[in-house]
């Protein structure tokens, strides 16, 4: 399996470089590193508590959100143009260096 490095900025502005396996959901990697992401539904795209902001230079490189994710974003707080649910971002070698910021959670 390929290792994919991602940078996650937390609520205090601290950047964390995380190693994830290709094929894993970004949410799983963030959660497994112990960063403060709720991910209440465990990746089922049934909540919006794994909301992240994708750096603009990376946003267009992601597979576009499906209708289920788009509907869930209606429940997210502080949605921006580059908002995504991290449970719907599947790591791949093409995402080496991906940068995201944790979005506020209620």
N, C-alpha and C. Protein backbone atom coordinates (compact mmCIF):
# COMPACT_ATOMS: atom_id res chain seq x y z
N UNK A 1 0.84 -1.19 0.00
CA UNK A 1 0.00 0.00 0.00
C UNK A 1 0.88 1.24 0.00
N UNK A 2 0.40 2.24 -0.70
CA UNK A 2 1.10 3.51 -0.75
C UNK A 2 0.77 4.36 0.47
N UNK A 3 1.80 5.03 0.99
CA UNK A 3 1.62 6.00 2.07
C UNK A 3 1.33 7.35 1.42
N UNK A 4 0.33 8.05 1.92
CA UNK A 4 -0.05 9.37 1.42
C UNK A 4 0.09 10.34 2.59
N UNK A 5 0.89 11.38 2.40
CA UNK A 5 1.09 12.39 3.44
C UNK A 5 0.09 13.52 3.24
N UNK A 6 -0.60 13.88 4.32
CA UNK A 6 -1.55 14.99 4.28
C UNK A 6 -1.22 15.94 5.42
N UNK A 7 -1.53 17.21 5.22
CA UNK A 7 -1.34 18.20 6.28
C UNK A 7 -2.70 18.67 6.73
N UNK A 8 -2.93 18.57 8.04
CA UNK A 8 -4.20 18.96 8.63
C UNK A 8 -3.93 20.09 9.62
N UNK A 9 -4.63 21.20 9.44
CA UNK A 9 -4.52 22.31 10.37
C UNK A 9 -5.67 22.21 11.36
N UNK A 10 -5.33 22.25 12.66
CA UNK A 10 -6.36 22.10 13.69
C UNK A 10 -6.99 23.45 14.04
N UNK A 11 -7.84 23.46 15.05
CA UNK A 11 -8.59 24.66 15.43
C UNK A 11 -7.70 25.78 15.94
N UNK A 12 -6.52 25.45 16.47
CA UNK A 12 -5.60 26.46 16.98
C UNK A 12 -4.63 26.96 15.91
N UNK A 13 -4.71 26.40 14.69
CA UNK A 13 -3.82 26.81 13.62
C UNK A 13 -2.55 25.99 13.52
N UNK A 14 -2.45 24.94 14.33
CA UNK A 14 -1.28 24.07 14.29
C UNK A 14 -1.41 23.10 13.13
N UNK A 15 -0.32 22.98 12.36
CA UNK A 15 -0.31 22.05 11.22
C UNK A 15 0.26 20.71 11.65
N UNK A 16 -0.41 19.65 11.24
CA UNK A 16 0.00 18.28 11.56
C UNK A 16 0.19 17.54 10.24
N UNK A 17 1.36 16.93 10.04
CA UNK A 17 1.58 16.10 8.87
C UNK A 17 1.27 14.67 9.27
N UNK A 18 0.30 14.09 8.58
CA UNK A 18 -0.19 12.74 8.90
C UNK A 18 0.15 11.79 7.76
N UNK A 19 0.42 10.55 8.10
CA UNK A 19 0.64 9.50 7.11
C UNK A 19 -0.61 8.64 7.05
N UNK A 20 -1.16 8.51 5.87
CA UNK A 20 -2.33 7.66 5.68
C UNK A 20 -2.06 6.65 4.58
N UNK A 21 -2.83 5.60 4.58
CA UNK A 21 -2.71 4.59 3.54
C UNK A 21 -3.66 4.90 2.40
N UNK A 22 -3.18 4.73 1.18
CA UNK A 22 -4.05 4.88 0.02
C UNK A 22 -5.23 3.92 0.19
N UNK A 23 -6.43 4.42 -0.10
CA UNK A 23 -7.64 3.64 0.05
C UNK A 23 -8.38 3.94 1.34
N UNK A 24 -7.72 4.59 2.29
CA UNK A 24 -8.37 4.97 3.55
C UNK A 24 -9.10 6.29 3.36
N UNK A 25 -10.11 6.50 4.16
CA UNK A 25 -10.83 7.78 4.18
C UNK A 25 -9.99 8.79 4.98
N UNK A 26 -9.94 10.01 4.52
CA UNK A 26 -9.22 11.04 5.24
C UNK A 26 -9.71 11.15 6.68
N UNK A 27 -11.00 11.03 6.89
CA UNK A 27 -11.57 11.10 8.24
C UNK A 27 -10.94 10.07 9.16
N UNK A 28 -10.72 8.85 8.67
CA UNK A 28 -10.12 7.79 9.48
C UNK A 28 -8.72 8.16 9.92
N UNK A 29 -7.96 8.73 9.02
CA UNK A 29 -6.58 9.11 9.33
C UNK A 29 -6.57 10.22 10.38
N UNK A 30 -7.40 11.25 10.18
CA UNK A 30 -7.47 12.36 11.14
C UNK A 30 -7.88 11.83 12.52
N UNK A 31 -8.89 11.00 12.56
CA UNK A 31 -9.38 10.44 13.83
C UNK A 31 -8.32 9.56 14.49
N UNK A 32 -7.66 8.71 13.71
CA UNK A 32 -6.68 7.79 14.27
C UNK A 32 -5.46 8.51 14.83
N UNK A 33 -5.17 9.70 14.34
CA UNK A 33 -4.07 10.50 14.89
C UNK A 33 -4.51 11.27 16.14
N UNK A 34 -5.77 11.17 16.50
CA UNK A 34 -6.24 11.79 17.72
C UNK A 34 -6.56 13.28 17.60
N UNK A 35 -6.69 13.77 16.37
CA UNK A 35 -7.08 15.17 16.20
C UNK A 35 -8.57 15.32 16.51
N UNK A 36 -8.99 16.52 16.90
CA UNK A 36 -10.38 16.71 17.36
C UNK A 36 -11.41 16.77 16.23
N UNK A 37 -11.73 15.61 15.70
CA UNK A 37 -12.77 15.52 14.68
C UNK A 37 -13.83 14.56 15.23
N UNK A 38 -15.08 14.96 15.18
CA UNK A 38 -16.13 14.14 15.79
C UNK A 38 -16.41 12.88 14.99
N UNK A 39 -16.68 13.03 13.71
CA UNK A 39 -16.94 11.87 12.84
C UNK A 39 -17.94 10.92 13.47
N UNK A 40 -19.06 11.46 13.90
CA UNK A 40 -20.04 10.70 14.68
C UNK A 40 -20.63 9.50 13.96
N UNK A 41 -20.78 9.57 12.65
CA UNK A 41 -21.39 8.45 11.94
C UNK A 41 -20.36 7.42 11.48
N UNK A 42 -19.09 7.67 11.73
CA UNK A 42 -18.05 6.70 11.39
C UNK A 42 -17.75 6.59 9.91
N UNK A 43 -18.15 7.56 9.13
CA UNK A 43 -17.83 7.55 7.70
C UNK A 43 -18.98 7.13 6.81
N UNK A 44 -20.18 7.08 7.34
CA UNK A 44 -21.34 6.65 6.56
C UNK A 44 -22.01 7.78 5.78
N UNK A 45 -21.43 8.98 5.83
CA UNK A 45 -22.00 10.15 5.16
C UNK A 45 -23.42 10.41 5.68
N UNK A 46 -23.58 10.25 7.01
CA UNK A 46 -24.90 10.44 7.63
C UNK A 46 -24.89 11.59 8.63
N UNK A 47 -23.81 12.34 8.67
CA UNK A 47 -23.72 13.52 9.53
C UNK A 47 -22.74 14.48 8.85
N UNK A 48 -22.47 15.57 9.44
CA UNK A 48 -21.50 16.51 8.84
C UNK A 48 -20.41 16.86 9.83
N UNK A 49 -20.14 15.96 10.77
CA UNK A 49 -19.19 16.27 11.83
C UNK A 49 -17.74 15.99 11.47
N UNK A 50 -17.48 15.61 10.23
CA UNK A 50 -16.10 15.44 9.76
C UNK A 50 -15.76 16.49 8.70
N UNK A 51 -16.48 17.58 8.75
CA UNK A 51 -16.35 18.69 7.80
C UNK A 51 -14.93 19.28 7.86
N UNK A 52 -14.33 19.46 6.69
CA UNK A 52 -13.03 20.11 6.56
C UNK A 52 -13.09 21.13 5.44
N UNK A 53 -12.14 22.05 5.48
CA UNK A 53 -11.91 22.98 4.37
C UNK A 53 -10.69 22.48 3.62
N UNK A 54 -10.84 22.24 2.34
CA UNK A 54 -9.74 21.78 1.50
C UNK A 54 -9.03 23.01 0.96
N UNK A 55 -7.71 23.00 1.00
CA UNK A 55 -6.96 24.12 0.43
C UNK A 55 -7.36 24.29 -1.03
N UNK A 56 -7.54 25.55 -1.45
CA UNK A 56 -8.04 25.80 -2.81
C UNK A 56 -7.25 25.11 -3.91
N UNK A 57 -5.94 25.01 -3.77
CA UNK A 57 -5.14 24.38 -4.83
C UNK A 57 -5.39 22.87 -4.93
N UNK A 58 -6.01 22.28 -3.91
CA UNK A 58 -6.31 20.86 -3.91
C UNK A 58 -7.76 20.55 -4.24
N UNK A 59 -8.64 21.50 -4.06
CA UNK A 59 -10.07 21.24 -4.17
C UNK A 59 -10.45 20.62 -5.52
N UNK A 60 -9.94 21.16 -6.60
CA UNK A 60 -10.32 20.66 -7.94
C UNK A 60 -9.70 19.29 -8.25
N UNK A 61 -8.75 18.84 -7.44
CA UNK A 61 -8.12 17.54 -7.66
C UNK A 61 -8.91 16.40 -7.02
N UNK A 62 -9.90 16.75 -6.19
CA UNK A 62 -10.71 15.73 -5.54
C UNK A 62 -11.82 15.26 -6.47
N UNK A 63 -12.25 14.04 -6.25
CA UNK A 63 -13.45 13.56 -6.95
C UNK A 63 -14.60 14.43 -6.46
N UNK A 64 -15.43 14.96 -7.34
CA UNK A 64 -16.52 15.84 -6.91
C UNK A 64 -17.47 15.16 -5.92
N UNK A 65 -18.05 15.98 -5.05
CA UNK A 65 -19.01 15.48 -4.06
C UNK A 65 -20.22 14.88 -4.77
N UNK A 66 -20.71 13.77 -4.23
CA UNK A 66 -21.93 13.19 -4.77
C UNK A 66 -23.14 13.87 -4.13
N UNK A 67 -24.33 13.53 -4.56
CA UNK A 67 -25.54 14.20 -4.05
C UNK A 67 -25.75 13.95 -2.56
N UNK A 68 -25.39 12.79 -2.07
CA UNK A 68 -25.53 12.48 -0.65
C UNK A 68 -24.65 13.41 0.20
N UNK A 69 -23.40 13.58 -0.22
CA UNK A 69 -22.51 14.49 0.51
C UNK A 69 -23.01 15.93 0.42
N UNK A 70 -23.46 16.33 -0.74
CA UNK A 70 -23.98 17.69 -0.92
C UNK A 70 -25.15 17.95 0.02
N UNK A 71 -26.04 16.97 0.16
CA UNK A 71 -27.18 17.12 1.07
C UNK A 71 -26.71 17.22 2.52
N UNK A 72 -25.71 16.44 2.89
CA UNK A 72 -25.20 16.47 4.27
C UNK A 72 -24.54 17.81 4.57
N UNK A 73 -23.94 18.44 3.58
CA UNK A 73 -23.29 19.73 3.80
C UNK A 73 -24.31 20.80 4.19
N UNK A 74 -25.59 20.57 3.87
CA UNK A 74 -26.63 21.51 4.30
C UNK A 74 -26.74 21.56 5.83
N UNK A 75 -26.29 20.50 6.51
CA UNK A 75 -26.33 20.44 7.97
C UNK A 75 -25.04 20.91 8.64
N UNK A 76 -24.02 21.18 7.83
CA UNK A 76 -22.72 21.57 8.39
C UNK A 76 -22.73 23.05 8.76
N UNK A 77 -21.90 23.38 9.75
CA UNK A 77 -21.72 24.77 10.15
C UNK A 77 -20.63 25.41 9.29
N UNK A 78 -20.76 26.70 9.05
CA UNK A 78 -19.70 27.50 8.43
C UNK A 78 -19.20 26.90 7.11
N UNK A 79 -20.12 26.52 6.25
CA UNK A 79 -19.75 25.93 4.95
C UNK A 79 -19.12 27.02 4.06
N UNK A 80 -18.04 26.64 3.40
CA UNK A 80 -17.34 27.53 2.47
C UNK A 80 -17.23 26.85 1.12
N UNK A 81 -16.71 27.58 0.14
CA UNK A 81 -16.60 27.04 -1.22
C UNK A 81 -15.76 25.77 -1.31
N UNK A 82 -14.80 25.61 -0.40
CA UNK A 82 -13.93 24.43 -0.45
C UNK A 82 -14.27 23.42 0.66
N UNK A 83 -15.48 23.47 1.18
CA UNK A 83 -15.91 22.52 2.21
C UNK A 83 -16.14 21.14 1.62
N UNK A 84 -15.70 20.13 2.38
CA UNK A 84 -15.98 18.73 2.03
C UNK A 84 -16.12 17.94 3.32
N UNK A 85 -16.72 16.78 3.22
CA UNK A 85 -16.75 15.84 4.33
C UNK A 85 -15.53 14.93 4.18
N UNK A 86 -14.72 14.87 5.22
CA UNK A 86 -13.47 14.11 5.11
C UNK A 86 -13.73 12.61 4.98
N UNK A 87 -14.92 12.15 5.35
CA UNK A 87 -15.24 10.73 5.17
C UNK A 87 -15.44 10.38 3.70
N UNK A 88 -15.59 11.38 2.87
CA UNK A 88 -15.83 11.15 1.44
C UNK A 88 -14.58 11.38 0.60
N UNK A 89 -13.47 11.69 1.26
CA UNK A 89 -12.19 11.89 0.56
C UNK A 89 -11.37 10.62 0.76
N UNK A 90 -11.20 9.86 -0.31
CA UNK A 90 -10.44 8.61 -0.26
C UNK A 90 -9.01 8.93 -0.69
N UNK A 91 -8.07 8.60 0.19
CA UNK A 91 -6.67 8.90 -0.11
C UNK A 91 -6.17 8.05 -1.27
N UNK A 92 -5.36 8.68 -2.11
CA UNK A 92 -4.74 8.02 -3.25
C UNK A 92 -3.38 8.68 -3.47
N UNK A 93 -2.48 8.04 -4.20
CA UNK A 93 -1.19 8.65 -4.46
C UNK A 93 -1.30 10.04 -5.10
N UNK A 94 -2.37 10.28 -5.85
CA UNK A 94 -2.56 11.59 -6.48
C UNK A 94 -2.82 12.68 -5.45
N UNK A 95 -3.19 12.30 -4.23
CA UNK A 95 -3.47 13.28 -3.18
C UNK A 95 -2.28 13.48 -2.23
N UNK A 96 -1.11 12.99 -2.63
CA UNK A 96 0.11 13.20 -1.83
C UNK A 96 0.30 14.70 -1.61
N UNK A 97 0.37 15.11 -0.33
CA UNK A 97 0.55 16.52 0.01
C UNK A 97 -0.74 17.28 0.23
N UNK A 98 -1.89 16.62 0.17
CA UNK A 98 -3.19 17.26 0.39
C UNK A 98 -3.17 18.09 1.67
N UNK A 99 -3.79 19.26 1.62
CA UNK A 99 -3.87 20.13 2.79
C UNK A 99 -5.32 20.46 3.08
N UNK A 100 -5.71 20.27 4.35
CA UNK A 100 -7.06 20.58 4.79
C UNK A 100 -6.99 21.26 6.16
N UNK A 101 -8.09 21.93 6.50
CA UNK A 101 -8.24 22.56 7.81
C UNK A 101 -9.51 22.03 8.43
N UNK A 102 -9.45 21.68 9.71
CA UNK A 102 -10.66 21.23 10.41
C UNK A 102 -11.66 22.37 10.49
N UNK A 103 -12.90 22.10 10.16
CA UNK A 103 -13.96 23.10 10.25
C UNK A 103 -14.55 23.05 11.67
N UNK A 104 -15.17 24.14 12.10
CA UNK A 104 -15.76 24.13 13.45
C UNK A 104 -16.88 23.10 13.56
N UNK A 105 -16.95 22.47 14.71
CA UNK A 105 -18.01 21.50 15.00
C UNK A 105 -18.81 21.99 16.19
N UNK A 106 -20.11 21.76 16.18
CA UNK A 106 -20.92 22.17 17.34
C UNK A 106 -20.57 21.37 18.57
